[in-house]
């Protein structure tokens, strides 16, 4: 009988990337359109990738099987 394995969450695997050191990077939400009502600082903060907090790492890595 084959060993049961958890499938990779395809939606999440398209949104995040796991770096070589094991940290996870992602793009922050709310940056593509309808940004005229936001402050310039709020828009600038969303230019760069963010790093996932360490408290979420274990849960996310089990979902994407890394």
N, C-alpha and C. Protein backbone atom coordinates (compact mmCIF):
# COMPACT_ATOMS: atom_id res chain seq x y z
N UNK A 1 0.84 -1.18 0.00
CA UNK A 1 0.00 0.00 0.00
C UNK A 1 0.89 1.25 0.00
N UNK A 2 0.52 2.21 -0.80
CA UNK A 2 1.31 3.43 -0.92
C UNK A 2 1.17 4.30 0.32
N UNK A 3 2.24 5.02 0.60
CA UNK A 3 2.24 5.93 1.74
C UNK A 3 1.40 7.17 1.41
N UNK A 4 0.57 7.59 2.36
CA UNK A 4 -0.26 8.77 2.14
C UNK A 4 0.59 10.02 2.35
N UNK A 5 0.48 10.95 1.41
CA UNK A 5 1.18 12.22 1.53
C UNK A 5 0.19 13.35 1.30
N UNK A 6 0.51 14.47 1.88
CA UNK A 6 -0.34 15.64 1.72
C UNK A 6 0.00 16.34 0.41
N UNK A 7 -1.01 16.73 -0.33
CA UNK A 7 -0.77 17.44 -1.59
C UNK A 7 -0.36 18.88 -1.31
N UNK A 8 0.42 19.42 -2.22
CA UNK A 8 0.83 20.81 -2.12
C UNK A 8 -0.36 21.72 -2.41
N UNK A 9 -0.50 22.77 -1.63
CA UNK A 9 -1.56 23.75 -1.85
C UNK A 9 -1.14 24.62 -3.03
N UNK A 10 -1.75 24.39 -4.20
CA UNK A 10 -1.30 25.03 -5.44
C UNK A 10 -1.50 26.54 -5.43
N UNK A 11 -2.59 27.02 -4.81
CA UNK A 11 -2.82 28.45 -4.76
C UNK A 11 -1.75 29.17 -3.96
N UNK A 12 -1.37 28.59 -2.84
CA UNK A 12 -0.35 29.21 -1.99
C UNK A 12 1.02 29.11 -2.61
N UNK A 13 1.31 28.00 -3.28
CA UNK A 13 2.64 27.83 -3.87
C UNK A 13 2.88 28.81 -5.02
N UNK A 14 1.82 29.36 -5.61
CA UNK A 14 1.97 30.35 -6.67
C UNK A 14 2.18 31.75 -6.11
N UNK A 15 1.90 31.95 -4.83
CA UNK A 15 1.95 33.28 -4.24
C UNK A 15 3.23 33.51 -3.46
N UNK A 16 3.80 32.47 -2.86
CA UNK A 16 4.98 32.64 -2.02
C UNK A 16 6.17 31.92 -2.62
N UNK A 17 7.36 32.32 -2.20
CA UNK A 17 8.60 31.66 -2.61
C UNK A 17 9.42 31.37 -1.36
N UNK A 18 10.01 30.18 -1.31
CA UNK A 18 10.86 29.80 -0.19
C UNK A 18 12.30 30.07 -0.58
N UNK A 19 12.99 30.88 0.20
CA UNK A 19 14.38 31.22 -0.07
C UNK A 19 15.29 30.07 0.32
N UNK A 20 16.55 30.18 -0.09
CA UNK A 20 17.51 29.11 0.18
C UNK A 20 17.72 28.89 1.68
N UNK A 21 17.67 29.96 2.45
CA UNK A 21 17.85 29.85 3.90
C UNK A 21 16.63 29.33 4.63
N UNK A 22 15.50 29.19 3.93
CA UNK A 22 14.30 28.67 4.55
C UNK A 22 13.24 29.72 4.86
N UNK A 23 13.58 31.01 4.72
CA UNK A 23 12.57 32.03 4.96
C UNK A 23 11.63 32.10 3.76
N UNK A 24 10.46 32.67 3.99
CA UNK A 24 9.42 32.71 2.95
C UNK A 24 9.13 34.15 2.59
N UNK A 25 9.13 34.48 1.30
CA UNK A 25 8.81 35.83 0.86
C UNK A 25 7.49 35.83 0.12
N UNK A 26 6.80 36.98 0.18
CA UNK A 26 5.52 37.11 -0.50
C UNK A 26 5.30 38.58 -0.84
N UNK A 27 4.38 38.85 -1.74
CA UNK A 27 4.02 40.22 -2.09
C UNK A 27 2.85 40.66 -1.21
N UNK A 28 2.92 41.85 -0.61
CA UNK A 28 1.80 42.30 0.20
C UNK A 28 0.56 42.59 -0.64
N UNK A 29 -0.58 42.48 -0.04
CA UNK A 29 -1.84 42.68 -0.75
C UNK A 29 -2.13 44.17 -0.94
N UNK A 30 -3.18 44.46 -1.70
CA UNK A 30 -3.71 45.82 -1.90
C UNK A 30 -2.71 46.75 -2.57
N UNK A 31 -2.04 46.28 -3.63
CA UNK A 31 -1.08 47.17 -4.28
C UNK A 31 -1.34 47.37 -5.76
N UNK A 32 -2.29 46.66 -6.35
CA UNK A 32 -2.40 46.69 -7.80
C UNK A 32 -3.27 47.83 -8.33
N UNK A 33 -4.40 48.10 -7.74
CA UNK A 33 -5.26 49.14 -8.27
C UNK A 33 -6.01 49.80 -7.12
N UNK A 34 -6.67 50.89 -7.43
CA UNK A 34 -7.40 51.70 -6.45
C UNK A 34 -6.49 52.17 -5.32
N UNK A 35 -5.36 52.75 -5.72
CA UNK A 35 -4.42 53.23 -4.71
C UNK A 35 -4.45 54.75 -4.58
N UNK A 36 -5.38 55.43 -5.26
CA UNK A 36 -5.38 56.89 -5.19
C UNK A 36 -5.81 57.40 -3.83
N UNK A 37 -6.57 56.61 -3.08
CA UNK A 37 -7.01 57.06 -1.76
C UNK A 37 -6.00 56.75 -0.66
N UNK A 38 -4.92 56.07 -1.00
CA UNK A 38 -3.92 55.73 0.01
C UNK A 38 -2.83 56.79 0.07
N UNK A 39 -2.15 56.84 1.18
CA UNK A 39 -1.04 57.78 1.30
C UNK A 39 0.15 57.27 0.50
N UNK A 40 1.07 58.16 0.19
CA UNK A 40 2.25 57.76 -0.58
C UNK A 40 3.11 56.77 0.20
N UNK A 41 3.18 56.95 1.51
CA UNK A 41 3.97 56.03 2.33
C UNK A 41 3.36 54.63 2.30
N UNK A 42 2.04 54.56 2.31
CA UNK A 42 1.38 53.26 2.26
C UNK A 42 1.64 52.56 0.93
N UNK A 43 1.67 53.33 -0.15
CA UNK A 43 1.95 52.75 -1.46
C UNK A 43 3.39 52.28 -1.56
N UNK A 44 4.30 53.08 -1.03
CA UNK A 44 5.73 52.71 -1.09
C UNK A 44 6.01 51.45 -0.29
N UNK A 45 5.33 51.28 0.82
CA UNK A 45 5.54 50.10 1.65
C UNK A 45 5.21 48.81 0.91
N UNK A 46 4.33 48.90 -0.07
CA UNK A 46 3.91 47.71 -0.80
C UNK A 46 4.75 47.44 -2.04
N UNK A 47 5.78 48.26 -2.31
CA UNK A 47 6.63 48.04 -3.48
C UNK A 47 7.48 46.78 -3.34
N UNK A 48 7.91 46.50 -2.15
CA UNK A 48 8.89 45.44 -1.93
C UNK A 48 8.24 44.19 -1.36
N UNK A 49 8.94 43.07 -1.54
CA UNK A 49 8.43 41.83 -0.97
C UNK A 49 8.54 41.87 0.54
N UNK A 50 7.65 41.18 1.20
CA UNK A 50 7.69 41.06 2.64
C UNK A 50 8.13 39.65 3.01
N UNK A 51 8.65 39.53 4.22
CA UNK A 51 9.06 38.22 4.71
C UNK A 51 8.02 37.72 5.70
N UNK A 52 7.68 36.45 5.58
CA UNK A 52 6.67 35.85 6.45
C UNK A 52 7.18 35.78 7.88
N UNK A 53 6.32 36.07 8.84
CA UNK A 53 6.71 36.06 10.24
C UNK A 53 7.05 34.63 10.69
N UNK A 54 7.97 34.52 11.62
CA UNK A 54 8.45 33.21 12.04
C UNK A 54 7.36 32.36 12.69
N UNK A 55 6.33 33.01 13.28
CA UNK A 55 5.28 32.24 13.92
C UNK A 55 4.39 31.54 12.90
N UNK A 56 4.40 31.98 11.65
CA UNK A 56 3.59 31.35 10.61
C UNK A 56 4.37 30.34 9.78
N UNK A 57 5.68 30.28 9.94
CA UNK A 57 6.51 29.46 9.05
C UNK A 57 6.15 27.98 9.09
N UNK A 58 6.01 27.41 10.27
CA UNK A 58 5.78 25.97 10.37
C UNK A 58 4.46 25.58 9.71
N UNK A 59 3.42 26.37 9.94
CA UNK A 59 2.11 26.08 9.37
C UNK A 59 2.13 26.18 7.85
N UNK A 60 2.79 27.21 7.33
CA UNK A 60 2.83 27.41 5.88
C UNK A 60 3.68 26.34 5.21
N UNK A 61 4.79 25.96 5.82
CA UNK A 61 5.67 24.97 5.19
C UNK A 61 5.01 23.59 5.14
N UNK A 62 4.13 23.28 6.08
CA UNK A 62 3.44 21.99 5.97
C UNK A 62 2.42 22.00 4.85
N UNK A 63 1.85 23.17 4.57
CA UNK A 63 0.86 23.26 3.49
C UNK A 63 1.52 23.09 2.13
N UNK A 64 2.74 23.66 1.98
CA UNK A 64 3.39 23.59 0.67
C UNK A 64 4.43 22.47 0.60
N UNK A 65 4.52 21.65 1.65
CA UNK A 65 5.40 20.47 1.67
C UNK A 65 6.86 20.82 1.44
N UNK A 66 7.39 21.77 2.19
CA UNK A 66 8.80 22.12 2.09
C UNK A 66 9.51 21.78 3.39
